[in-house]
């Protein structure tokens, strides 16, 4: 891809706005979740598919990452990864690291019922000592993830979540019904580029990512696996339902004790399902998905997820 002569200087000297900073952090997260190594070419086209935005903001975000020495701009070639971040929010200059702490604090307060269903922005600003623009950035993320919404008039409402053992089991019971059925649907169509992307991602997590990815990142990887396969069912309502079920249990998953050995086992099962789907063995893949979900539900609900000492850290 050929860029204008002043491309680098313009993108690397302009002051990034909040959108550019958020996109930069999401690019770093994508790099980590994909297991990219130094030298990986980061194209605007591929990042468009991941970030769902236009090239201009992505270009500015990459320019900011170049200033932070995470990527390098090569003339007439584009941006290349210099050093993968070793941990989530690896760029200390990016505000998302502190935003993540506040986001998780709000999540913890909701799960422990310390934060009411309906709140005003002024209440939240006082409680978490935040300026309004930063608070709204975090609230926009909460709204995008489906567990909060702006109220008519003023203020925000937090939606019902999976916050009990019964609700957690019901969530998994519905997934056990719909996910294997989606694989067996007559409208199921294997998306080769997507299944190969999933396979590469799951292989990375299984081989080394499970040791270092954060709680939120591992949840995203797991959700992407299940939701991408659900989308191949050809039934938009099945895919939307699963996405909503994942949203509802998002916070409780963030708060559980991270068992990396379990993540390793789960990604191994994910890879087995992918292998069966690529071989055209949908019935076997559906059975494997059934066992996979059943085992995950029993293991989580009966061990550590809802211990009495469960509370904010």
C-alpha atoms as a PDB file:
ATOM      1  CA  UNK A   1       0.000   0.000   0.000  1.00  0.00           C
ATOM      2  CA  UNK A   2       1.477   3.367  -1.038  1.00  0.00           C
ATOM      3  CA  UNK A   3       0.934   6.355   1.249  1.00  0.00           C
ATOM      4  CA  UNK A   4       1.374  10.085   0.568  1.00  0.00           C
ATOM      5  CA  UNK A   5       4.826  11.501   1.201  1.00  0.00           C
ATOM      6  CA  UNK A   6       3.711  13.386   4.310  1.00  0.00           C
ATOM      7  CA  UNK A   7       1.708  10.443   5.640  1.00  0.00           C
ATOM      8  CA  UNK A   8       4.073   9.542   8.476  1.00  0.00           C
ATOM      9  CA  UNK A   9       4.803  13.057   9.683  1.00  0.00           C
ATOM     10  CA  UNK A  10       1.139  14.032   9.659  1.00  0.00           C
ATOM     11  CA  UNK A  11      -0.071  10.947  11.557  1.00  0.00           C
ATOM     12  CA  UNK A  12       2.793  10.912  14.039  1.00  0.00           C
ATOM     13  CA  UNK A  13       2.803  14.635  14.853  1.00  0.00           C
ATOM     14  CA  UNK A  14      -0.926  15.253  15.265  1.00  0.00           C
ATOM     15  CA  UNK A  15      -2.309  15.156  18.784  1.00  0.00           C
ATOM     16  CA  UNK A  16      -4.422  11.986  19.194  1.00  0.00           C
ATOM     17  CA  UNK A  17      -7.982  12.437  20.395  1.00  0.00           C
ATOM     18  CA  UNK A  18      -9.843  10.054  22.695  1.00  0.00           C
ATOM     19  CA  UNK A  19     -11.087   7.917  19.782  1.00  0.00           C
ATOM     20  CA  UNK A  20      -7.539   7.446  18.492  1.00  0.00           C
ATOM     21  CA  UNK A  21      -6.309   6.477  21.967  1.00  0.00           C
ATOM     22  CA  UNK A  22      -9.111   3.958  22.417  1.00  0.00           C
ATOM     23  CA  UNK A  23      -8.423   2.456  18.995  1.00  0.00           C
ATOM     24  CA  UNK A  24      -4.716   2.261  19.792  1.00  0.00           C
ATOM     25  CA  UNK A  25      -5.482   0.258  22.920  1.00  0.00           C
ATOM     26  CA  UNK A  26      -7.830  -2.035  20.983  1.00  0.00           C
ATOM     27  CA  UNK A  27      -5.110  -2.618  18.389  1.00  0.00           C
ATOM     28  CA  UNK A  28      -2.707  -3.662  21.159  1.00  0.00           C
ATOM     29  CA  UNK A  29      -5.345  -6.001  22.566  1.00  0.00           C
ATOM     30  CA  UNK A  30      -5.899  -7.499  19.101  1.00  0.00           C
ATOM     31  CA  UNK A  31      -2.130  -8.008  18.770  1.00  0.00           C
ATOM     32  CA  UNK A  32      -2.021  -9.850  22.094  1.00  0.00           C
ATOM     33  CA  UNK A  33      -5.090 -11.988  21.439  1.00  0.00           C
ATOM     34  CA  UNK A  34      -3.777 -12.986  18.028  1.00  0.00           C
ATOM     35  CA  UNK A  35      -0.315 -13.877  19.327  1.00  0.00           C
ATOM     36  CA  UNK A  36       1.401 -11.645  16.779  1.00  0.00           C
ATOM     37  CA  UNK A  37       5.180 -11.575  16.773  1.00  0.00           C
ATOM     38  CA  UNK A  38       7.555  -8.731  16.006  1.00  0.00           C
ATOM     39  CA  UNK A  39       7.488  -7.946  12.297  1.00  0.00           C
ATOM     40  CA  UNK A  40       3.761  -8.637  11.812  1.00  0.00           C
ATOM     41  CA  UNK A  41       2.268  -6.366   9.163  1.00  0.00           C
ATOM     42  CA  UNK A  42      -0.706  -4.429  10.558  1.00  0.00           C
ATOM     43  CA  UNK A  43      -2.810  -3.362   7.598  1.00  0.00           C
ATOM     44  CA  UNK A  44      -5.596  -0.813   7.800  1.00  0.00           C
ATOM     45  CA  UNK A  45      -7.898  -3.172   5.912  1.00  0.00           C
ATOM     46  CA  UNK A  46      -7.476  -6.035   8.381  1.00  0.00           C
ATOM     47  CA  UNK A  47      -7.872  -3.678  11.337  1.00  0.00           C
ATOM     48  CA  UNK A  48     -11.054  -2.245   9.818  1.00  0.00           C
ATOM     49  CA  UNK A  49     -12.625  -5.689  10.099  1.00  0.00           C
ATOM     50  CA  UNK A  50     -11.583  -5.971  13.746  1.00  0.00           C
ATOM     51  CA  UNK A  51     -12.342  -2.417  14.900  1.00  0.00           C
ATOM     52  CA  UNK A  52     -15.358  -1.661  12.714  1.00  0.00           C
ATOM     53  CA  UNK A  53     -14.296   1.881  11.875  1.00  0.00           C
ATOM     54  CA  UNK A  54     -12.857   3.822   8.941  1.00  0.00           C
ATOM     55  CA  UNK A  55      -9.213   3.998   7.908  1.00  0.00           C
ATOM     56  CA  UNK A  56      -8.613   7.570   9.039  1.00  0.00           C
ATOM     57  CA  UNK A  57      -8.947   6.956  12.793  1.00  0.00           C
ATOM     58  CA  UNK A  58      -7.076   3.645  12.463  1.00  0.00           C
ATOM     59  CA  UNK A  59      -4.219   5.410  10.692  1.00  0.00           C
ATOM     60  CA  UNK A  60      -4.073   8.006  13.489  1.00  0.00           C
ATOM     61  CA  UNK A  61      -4.116   5.247  16.135  1.00  0.00           C
ATOM     62  CA  UNK A  62      -1.247   3.462  14.384  1.00  0.00           C
ATOM     63  CA  UNK A  63       0.641   6.745  14.220  1.00  0.00           C
ATOM     64  CA  UNK A  64       0.242   7.114  17.975  1.00  0.00           C
ATOM     65  CA  UNK A  65       1.480   3.560  18.511  1.00  0.00           C
ATOM     66  CA  UNK A  66       4.474   4.377  16.307  1.00  0.00           C
ATOM     67  CA  UNK A  67       5.326   7.269  18.646  1.00  0.00           C
ATOM     68  CA  UNK A  68       5.074   4.812  21.547  1.00  0.00           C
ATOM     69  CA  UNK A  69       7.511   2.480  19.705  1.00  0.00           C
ATOM     70  CA  UNK A  70       5.011  -0.389  19.517  1.00  0.00           C
ATOM     71  CA  UNK A  71       4.865  -0.251  15.719  1.00  0.00           C
ATOM     72  CA  UNK A  72       7.120   1.040  12.966  1.00  0.00           C
ATOM     73  CA  UNK A  73       6.081   2.823   9.777  1.00  0.00           C
ATOM     74  CA  UNK A  74       8.073   1.654   6.760  1.00  0.00           C
ATOM     75  CA  UNK A  75       7.944   3.922   3.693  1.00  0.00           C
ATOM     76  CA  UNK A  76       5.576   2.614   1.003  1.00  0.00           C
ATOM     77  CA  UNK A  77       4.928  -0.550   3.026  1.00  0.00           C
ATOM     78  CA  UNK A  78       2.810   0.395   6.022  1.00  0.00           C
ATOM     79  CA  UNK A  79       2.951  -0.340   9.732  1.00  0.00           C
ATOM     80  CA  UNK A  80       4.767  -3.288  11.293  1.00  0.00           C
ATOM     81  CA  UNK A  81       4.775  -4.545  14.859  1.00  0.00           C
ATOM     82  CA  UNK A  82       8.001  -3.770  16.735  1.00  0.00           C
ATOM     83  CA  UNK A  83       7.245  -5.301  20.134  1.00  0.00           C
ATOM     84  CA  UNK A  84       4.081  -7.097  21.221  1.00  0.00           C
ATOM     85  CA  UNK A  85       2.844  -5.765  24.595  1.00  0.00           C
ATOM     86  CA  UNK A  86       3.691  -8.242  27.347  1.00  0.00           C
ATOM     87  CA  UNK A  87       0.580  -7.435  29.353  1.00  0.00           C
ATOM     88  CA  UNK A  88      -2.820  -5.884  28.846  1.00  0.00           C
ATOM     89  CA  UNK A  89      -2.707  -2.098  28.559  1.00  0.00           C
ATOM     90  CA  UNK A  90       0.967  -2.329  27.755  1.00  0.00           C
ATOM     91  CA  UNK A  91       1.220   1.260  26.593  1.00  0.00           C
ATOM     92  CA  UNK A  92       1.394   3.259  29.797  1.00  0.00           C
ATOM     93  CA  UNK A  93       0.793   6.457  27.865  1.00  0.00           C
ATOM     94  CA  UNK A  94      -2.643   5.219  26.843  1.00  0.00           C
ATOM     95  CA  UNK A  95      -5.506   6.167  29.196  1.00  0.00           C
ATOM     96  CA  UNK A  96      -7.238   2.813  28.773  1.00  0.00           C
ATOM     97  CA  UNK A  97      -5.111   1.253  31.514  1.00  0.00           C
ATOM     98  CA  UNK A  98      -6.654   3.500  34.156  1.00  0.00           C
ATOM     99  CA  UNK A  99     -10.052   3.296  32.470  1.00  0.00           C
ATOM    100  CA  UNK A 100      -9.916  -0.484  32.825  1.00  0.00           C
ATOM    101  CA  UNK A 101      -9.470  -0.174  36.593  1.00  0.00           C
ATOM    102  CA  UNK A 102     -12.502   2.085  36.914  1.00  0.00           C
ATOM    103  CA  UNK A 103     -14.526  -0.132  34.589  1.00  0.00           C
ATOM    104  CA  UNK A 104     -13.777  -3.174  36.742  1.00  0.00           C
ATOM    105  CA  UNK A 105     -14.561  -1.209  39.909  1.00  0.00           C
ATOM    106  CA  UNK A 106     -18.001  -0.329  38.525  1.00  0.00           C
ATOM    107  CA  UNK A 107     -18.498  -3.970  37.552  1.00  0.00           C
ATOM    108  CA  UNK A 108     -17.538  -5.140  41.049  1.00  0.00           C
ATOM    109  CA  UNK A 109     -19.861  -2.608  42.682  1.00  0.00           C
ATOM    110  CA  UNK A 110     -22.731  -3.812  40.523  1.00  0.00           C
ATOM    111  CA  UNK A 111     -22.158  -7.460  41.374  1.00  0.00           C
ATOM    112  CA  UNK A 112     -21.959  -6.752  45.092  1.00  0.00           C
ATOM    113  CA  UNK A 113     -25.076  -4.529  44.841  1.00  0.00           C
ATOM    114  CA  UNK A 114     -23.136  -1.512  46.097  1.00  0.00           C
ATOM    115  CA  UNK A 115     -24.258   0.405  43.020  1.00  0.00           C
ATOM    116  CA  UNK A 116     -27.988   0.867  42.437  1.00  0.00           C
ATOM    117  CA  UNK A 117     -29.837   0.095  39.211  1.00  0.00           C
ATOM    118  CA  UNK A 118     -30.292   3.780  38.362  1.00  0.00           C
ATOM    119  CA  UNK A 119     -27.579   6.402  38.790  1.00  0.00           C
ATOM    120  CA  UNK A 120     -26.737   9.880  37.528  1.00  0.00           C
ATOM    121  CA  UNK A 121     -23.450  10.848  35.942  1.00  0.00           C
ATOM    122  CA  UNK A 122     -22.819  13.286  38.805  1.00  0.00           C
ATOM    123  CA  UNK A 123     -23.138  10.436  41.322  1.00  0.00           C
ATOM    124  CA  UNK A 124     -20.668   8.310  39.380  1.00  0.00           C
ATOM    125  CA  UNK A 125     -18.253  11.219  38.937  1.00  0.00           C
ATOM    126  CA  UNK A 126     -18.196  11.770  42.696  1.00  0.00           C
ATOM    127  CA  UNK A 127     -18.012   8.081  43.575  1.00  0.00           C
ATOM    128  CA  UNK A 128     -15.091   7.271  41.251  1.00  0.00           C
ATOM    129  CA  UNK A 129     -13.484  10.744  41.185  1.00  0.00           C
ATOM    130  CA  UNK A 130     -13.719  11.099  37.418  1.00  0.00           C
ATOM    131  CA  UNK A 131     -14.134  13.989  34.986  1.00  0.00           C
ATOM    132  CA  UNK A 132     -17.253  13.720  32.835  1.00  0.00           C
ATOM    133  CA  UNK A 133     -15.511  12.983  29.494  1.00  0.00           C
ATOM    134  CA  UNK A 134     -13.627  10.052  30.988  1.00  0.00           C
ATOM    135  CA  UNK A 135     -16.729   8.719  32.747  1.00  0.00           C
ATOM    136  CA  UNK A 136     -18.705   8.879  29.512  1.00  0.00           C
ATOM    137  CA  UNK A 137     -15.976   6.968  27.710  1.00  0.00           C
ATOM    138  CA  UNK A 138     -16.310   4.163  30.269  1.00  0.00           C
ATOM    139  CA  UNK A 139     -20.107   4.296  30.215  1.00  0.00           C
ATOM    140  CA  UNK A 140     -20.062   4.058  26.419  1.00  0.00           C
ATOM    141  CA  UNK A 141     -18.078   0.829  26.758  1.00  0.00           C
ATOM    142  CA  UNK A 142     -20.570  -0.499  29.303  1.00  0.00           C
ATOM    143  CA  UNK A 143     -23.444   0.350  26.952  1.00  0.00           C
ATOM    144  CA  UNK A 144     -21.669  -1.319  24.009  1.00  0.00           C
ATOM    145  CA  UNK A 145     -21.214  -4.480  26.091  1.00  0.00           C
ATOM    146  CA  UNK A 146     -24.921  -4.528  26.899  1.00  0.00           C
ATOM    147  CA  UNK A 147     -25.081  -4.174  30.683  1.00  0.00           C
ATOM    148  CA  UNK A 148     -25.939  -0.492  30.921  1.00  0.00           C
ATOM    149  CA  UNK A 149     -27.929   2.084  28.999  1.00  0.00           C
ATOM    150  CA  UNK A 150     -28.636   5.802  29.034  1.00  0.00           C
ATOM    151  CA  UNK A 151     -31.977   6.682  30.612  1.00  0.00           C
ATOM    152  CA  UNK A 152     -34.505   8.943  28.924  1.00  0.00           C
ATOM    153  CA  UNK A 153     -33.927  12.400  30.318  1.00  0.00           C
ATOM    154  CA  UNK A 154     -30.781  11.938  32.402  1.00  0.00           C
ATOM    155  CA  UNK A 155     -28.777   9.300  34.154  1.00  0.00           C
ATOM    156  CA  UNK A 156     -27.967   5.679  33.431  1.00  0.00           C
ATOM    157  CA  UNK A 157     -29.598   2.331  34.142  1.00  0.00           C
ATOM    158  CA  UNK A 158     -27.723  -0.894  34.767  1.00  0.00           C
ATOM    159  CA  UNK A 159     -29.379  -4.037  33.428  1.00  0.00           C
ATOM    160  CA  UNK A 160     -29.957  -7.371  35.125  1.00  0.00           C
ATOM    161  CA  UNK A 161     -26.947  -9.667  35.148  1.00  0.00           C
ATOM    162  CA  UNK A 162     -26.081 -13.259  35.826  1.00  0.00           C
ATOM    163  CA  UNK A 163     -25.361 -12.863  39.541  1.00  0.00           C
ATOM    164  CA  UNK A 164     -26.536 -16.094  41.157  1.00  0.00           C
ATOM    165  CA  UNK A 165     -25.801 -19.781  40.787  1.00  0.00           C
ATOM    166  CA  UNK A 166     -29.322 -20.366  39.436  1.00  0.00           C
ATOM    167  CA  UNK A 167     -29.000 -17.655  36.795  1.00  0.00           C
ATOM    168  CA  UNK A 168     -25.565 -18.918  35.831  1.00  0.00           C
ATOM    169  CA  UNK A 169     -26.851 -22.456  35.330  1.00  0.00           C
ATOM    170  CA  UNK A 170     -29.854 -21.221  33.357  1.00  0.00           C
ATOM    171  CA  UNK A 171     -27.515 -19.238  31.110  1.00  0.00           C
ATOM    172  CA  UNK A 172     -25.457 -22.357  30.386  1.00  0.00           C
ATOM    173  CA  UNK A 173     -28.542 -24.551  29.985  1.00  0.00           C
ATOM    174  CA  UNK A 174     -29.787 -22.323  27.173  1.00  0.00           C
ATOM    175  CA  UNK A 175     -26.358 -22.317  25.539  1.00  0.00           C
ATOM    176  CA  UNK A 176     -26.306 -26.132  25.718  1.00  0.00           C
ATOM    177  CA  UNK A 177     -29.595 -26.143  23.803  1.00  0.00           C
ATOM    178  CA  UNK A 178     -28.804 -23.617  21.076  1.00  0.00           C
ATOM    179  CA  UNK A 179     -25.090 -23.937  20.277  1.00  0.00           C
ATOM    180  CA  UNK A 180     -25.028 -27.613  19.229  1.00  0.00           C
ATOM    181  CA  UNK A 181     -28.313 -27.031  17.368  1.00  0.00           C
ATOM    182  CA  UNK A 182     -26.679 -24.188  15.449  1.00  0.00           C
ATOM    183  CA  UNK A 183     -23.915 -26.492  14.241  1.00  0.00           C
ATOM    184  CA  UNK A 184     -26.513 -29.037  13.058  1.00  0.00           C
ATOM    185  CA  UNK A 185     -28.705 -26.407  11.382  1.00  0.00           C
ATOM    186  CA  UNK A 186     -29.385 -27.038   7.667  1.00  0.00           C
ATOM    187  CA  UNK A 187     -28.333 -23.439   7.043  1.00  0.00           C
ATOM    188  CA  UNK A 188     -24.937 -23.900   8.719  1.00  0.00           C
ATOM    189  CA  UNK A 189     -22.114 -22.854   6.407  1.00  0.00           C
ATOM    190  CA  UNK A 190     -18.463 -23.089   7.361  1.00  0.00           C
ATOM    191  CA  UNK A 191     -16.704 -19.759   6.857  1.00  0.00           C
ATOM    192  CA  UNK A 192     -13.186 -20.841   5.930  1.00  0.00           C
ATOM    193  CA  UNK A 193     -11.353 -17.534   6.592  1.00  0.00           C
ATOM    194  CA  UNK A 194     -13.134 -17.145   9.938  1.00  0.00           C
ATOM    195  CA  UNK A 195     -12.556 -20.723  11.074  1.00  0.00           C
ATOM    196  CA  UNK A 196      -8.870 -20.438  10.195  1.00  0.00           C
ATOM    197  CA  UNK A 197      -8.639 -17.157  12.108  1.00  0.00           C
ATOM    198  CA  UNK A 198     -10.272 -18.851  15.101  1.00  0.00           C
ATOM    199  CA  UNK A 199      -7.941 -21.814  14.823  1.00  0.00           C
ATOM    200  CA  UNK A 200      -4.848 -19.609  14.824  1.00  0.00           C
ATOM    201  CA  UNK A 201      -6.127 -17.623  17.790  1.00  0.00           C
ATOM    202  CA  UNK A 202      -7.095 -20.689  19.807  1.00  0.00           C
ATOM    203  CA  UNK A 203      -3.790 -22.380  18.993  1.00  0.00           C
ATOM    204  CA  UNK A 204      -1.929 -19.341  20.301  1.00  0.00           C
ATOM    205  CA  UNK A 205      -3.938 -19.286  23.534  1.00  0.00           C
ATOM    206  CA  UNK A 206      -3.521 -23.047  23.964  1.00  0.00           C
ATOM    207  CA  UNK A 207       0.227 -22.987  23.409  1.00  0.00           C
ATOM    208  CA  UNK A 208       1.222 -19.855  25.343  1.00  0.00           C
ATOM    209  CA  UNK A 209      -1.542 -17.243  25.604  1.00  0.00           C
ATOM    210  CA  UNK A 210      -3.272 -19.031  28.479  1.00  0.00           C
ATOM    211  CA  UNK A 211      -0.231 -18.267  30.634  1.00  0.00           C
ATOM    212  CA  UNK A 212      -0.227 -14.498  30.149  1.00  0.00           C
ATOM    213  CA  UNK A 213      -3.530 -13.124  28.831  1.00  0.00           C
ATOM    214  CA  UNK A 214      -5.685 -11.218  31.299  1.00  0.00           C
ATOM    215  CA  UNK A 215      -9.121 -12.179  32.588  1.00  0.00           C
ATOM    216  CA  UNK A 216     -10.923  -9.794  30.237  1.00  0.00           C
ATOM    217  CA  UNK A 217      -8.818 -10.858  27.248  1.00  0.00           C
ATOM    218  CA  UNK A 218      -9.474 -14.557  27.865  1.00  0.00           C
ATOM    219  CA  UNK A 219     -13.194 -13.867  28.090  1.00  0.00           C
ATOM    220  CA  UNK A 220     -13.060 -12.055  24.741  1.00  0.00           C
ATOM    221  CA  UNK A 221     -11.212 -14.936  23.080  1.00  0.00           C
ATOM    222  CA  UNK A 222     -13.697 -17.459  24.445  1.00  0.00           C
ATOM    223  CA  UNK A 223     -16.662 -15.330  23.405  1.00  0.00           C
ATOM    224  CA  UNK A 224     -15.264 -14.843  19.906  1.00  0.00           C
ATOM    225  CA  UNK A 225     -14.925 -18.596  19.472  1.00  0.00           C
ATOM    226  CA  UNK A 226     -18.508 -19.413  20.420  1.00  0.00           C
ATOM    227  CA  UNK A 227     -20.135 -16.401  18.761  1.00  0.00           C
ATOM    228  CA  UNK A 228     -18.260 -16.869  15.473  1.00  0.00           C
ATOM    229  CA  UNK A 229     -19.375 -20.495  15.198  1.00  0.00           C
ATOM    230  CA  UNK A 230     -22.932 -19.478  16.135  1.00  0.00           C
ATOM    231  CA  UNK A 231     -22.909 -16.931  13.306  1.00  0.00           C
ATOM    232  CA  UNK A 232     -22.093 -19.737  10.849  1.00  0.00           C
ATOM    233  CA  UNK A 233     -25.437 -21.356  11.721  1.00  0.00           C
ATOM    234  CA  UNK A 234     -27.122 -18.972   9.324  1.00  0.00           C
ATOM    235  CA  UNK A 235     -29.634 -18.044  12.024  1.00  0.00           C
ATOM    236  CA  UNK A 236     -29.193 -14.412  13.045  1.00  0.00           C
ATOM    237  CA  UNK A 237     -31.395 -14.820  16.116  1.00  0.00           C
ATOM    238  CA  UNK A 238     -29.295 -17.698  17.421  1.00  0.00           C
ATOM    239  CA  UNK A 239     -26.147 -15.637  17.039  1.00  0.00           C
ATOM    240  CA  UNK A 240     -27.754 -12.589  18.669  1.00  0.00           C
ATOM    241  CA  UNK A 241     -29.094 -14.672  21.555  1.00  0.00           C
ATOM    242  CA  UNK A 242     -25.674 -16.155  22.277  1.00  0.00           C
ATOM    243  CA  UNK A 243     -24.056 -12.710  22.167  1.00  0.00           C
ATOM    244  CA  UNK A 244     -26.610 -11.488  24.702  1.00  0.00           C
ATOM    245  CA  UNK A 245     -26.050 -14.495  26.968  1.00  0.00           C
ATOM    246  CA  UNK A 246     -22.335 -13.778  26.932  1.00  0.00           C
ATOM    247  CA  UNK A 247     -22.971 -10.130  27.779  1.00  0.00           C
ATOM    248  CA  UNK A 248     -25.073 -11.108  30.777  1.00  0.00           C
ATOM    249  CA  UNK A 249     -22.363 -13.309  32.284  1.00  0.00           C
ATOM    250  CA  UNK A 250     -19.464 -11.035  31.351  1.00  0.00           C
ATOM    251  CA  UNK A 251     -19.054  -9.431  34.775  1.00  0.00           C
ATOM    252  CA  UNK A 252     -19.311 -12.608  36.807  1.00  0.00           C
ATOM    253  CA  UNK A 253     -16.620 -14.152  34.606  1.00  0.00           C
ATOM    254  CA  UNK A 254     -14.355 -11.146  35.226  1.00  0.00           C
ATOM    255  CA  UNK A 255     -14.680 -11.682  38.975  1.00  0.00           C
ATOM    256  CA  UNK A 256     -13.965 -15.397  39.129  1.00  0.00           C
ATOM    257  CA  UNK A 257     -10.648 -16.855  40.163  1.00  0.00           C
ATOM    258  CA  UNK A 258      -8.600 -17.287  37.006  1.00  0.00           C
ATOM    259  CA  UNK A 259      -7.793 -20.969  36.488  1.00  0.00           C
ATOM    260  CA  UNK A 260      -5.247 -21.056  33.679  1.00  0.00           C
ATOM    261  CA  UNK A 261      -5.172 -24.859  33.632  1.00  0.00           C
ATOM    262  CA  UNK A 262      -8.895 -24.789  32.863  1.00  0.00           C
ATOM    263  CA  UNK A 263      -8.299 -22.270  30.068  1.00  0.00           C
ATOM    264  CA  UNK A 264      -5.715 -24.658  28.619  1.00  0.00           C
ATOM    265  CA  UNK A 265      -8.231 -27.538  28.676  1.00  0.00           C
ATOM    266  CA  UNK A 266     -10.984 -25.396  27.181  1.00  0.00           C
ATOM    267  CA  UNK A 267      -8.885 -24.186  24.266  1.00  0.00           C
ATOM    268  CA  UNK A 268      -7.877 -27.788  23.579  1.00  0.00           C
ATOM    269  CA  UNK A 269     -11.565 -28.650  23.296  1.00  0.00           C
ATOM    270  CA  UNK A 270     -12.122 -25.608  21.083  1.00  0.00           C
ATOM    271  CA  UNK A 271      -9.397 -26.820  18.743  1.00  0.00           C
ATOM    272  CA  UNK A 272     -11.004 -30.288  18.613  1.00  0.00           C
ATOM    273  CA  UNK A 273     -14.340 -28.727  17.618  1.00  0.00           C
ATOM    274  CA  UNK A 274     -12.631 -26.664  14.928  1.00  0.00           C
ATOM    275  CA  UNK A 275     -10.868 -29.765  13.569  1.00  0.00           C
ATOM    276  CA  UNK A 276     -14.178 -31.639  13.320  1.00  0.00           C
ATOM    277  CA  UNK A 277     -15.885 -28.722  11.586  1.00  0.00           C
ATOM    278  CA  UNK A 278     -13.067 -28.402   9.048  1.00  0.00           C
ATOM    279  CA  UNK A 279     -13.384 -32.136   8.345  1.00  0.00           C
ATOM    280  CA  UNK A 280     -17.113 -31.736   7.688  1.00  0.00           C
ATOM    281  CA  UNK A 281     -18.050 -33.810  10.756  1.00  0.00           C
ATOM    282  CA  UNK A 282     -20.772 -31.535  12.062  1.00  0.00           C
ATOM    283  CA  UNK A 283     -22.596 -34.165  14.092  1.00  0.00           C
ATOM    284  CA  UNK A 284     -19.410 -35.046  15.958  1.00  0.00           C
ATOM    285  CA  UNK A 285     -18.642 -31.340  16.395  1.00  0.00           C
ATOM    286  CA  UNK A 286     -22.105 -30.730  17.862  1.00  0.00           C
ATOM    287  CA  UNK A 287     -21.643 -33.597  20.327  1.00  0.00           C
ATOM    288  CA  UNK A 288     -18.255 -32.230  21.290  1.00  0.00           C
ATOM    289  CA  UNK A 289     -19.757 -28.771  21.811  1.00  0.00           C
ATOM    290  CA  UNK A 290     -22.445 -30.305  24.037  1.00  0.00           C
ATOM    291  CA  UNK A 291     -19.845 -32.031  26.211  1.00  0.00           C
ATOM    292  CA  UNK A 292     -17.690 -28.917  26.247  1.00  0.00           C
ATOM    293  CA  UNK A 293     -20.480 -26.641  27.493  1.00  0.00           C
ATOM    294  CA  UNK A 294     -21.788 -29.176  29.980  1.00  0.00           C
ATOM    295  CA  UNK A 295     -18.375 -29.670  31.483  1.00  0.00           C
ATOM    296  CA  UNK A 296     -17.719 -25.928  31.730  1.00  0.00           C
ATOM    297  CA  UNK A 297     -21.061 -25.293  33.461  1.00  0.00           C
ATOM    298  CA  UNK A 298     -20.542 -28.009  36.048  1.00  0.00           C
ATOM    299  CA  UNK A 299     -16.927 -27.119  36.739  1.00  0.00           C
ATOM    300  CA  UNK A 300     -17.555 -23.409  37.253  1.00  0.00           C
ATOM    301  CA  UNK A 301     -20.856 -23.494  39.102  1.00  0.00           C
ATOM    302  CA  UNK A 302     -19.778 -26.187  41.571  1.00  0.00           C
ATOM    303  CA  UNK A 303     -16.298 -25.053  42.428  1.00  0.00           C
ATOM    304  CA  UNK A 304     -15.248 -21.461  42.893  1.00  0.00           C
ATOM    305  CA  UNK A 305     -17.528 -19.109  41.007  1.00  0.00           C
ATOM    306  CA  UNK A 306     -20.070 -18.398  43.751  1.00  0.00           C
ATOM    307  CA  UNK A 307     -18.172 -18.916  46.966  1.00  0.00           C
ATOM    308  CA  UNK A 308     -19.527 -17.087  50.033  1.00  0.00           C
ATOM    309  CA  UNK A 309     -16.421 -14.913  50.229  1.00  0.00           C
ATOM    310  CA  UNK A 310     -17.136 -13.672  46.715  1.00  0.00           C
ATOM    311  CA  UNK A 311     -16.841  -9.882  46.970  1.00  0.00           C
ATOM    312  CA  UNK A 312     -14.917  -6.913  45.731  1.00  0.00           C
ATOM    313  CA  UNK A 313     -11.173  -7.137  45.936  1.00  0.00           C
END
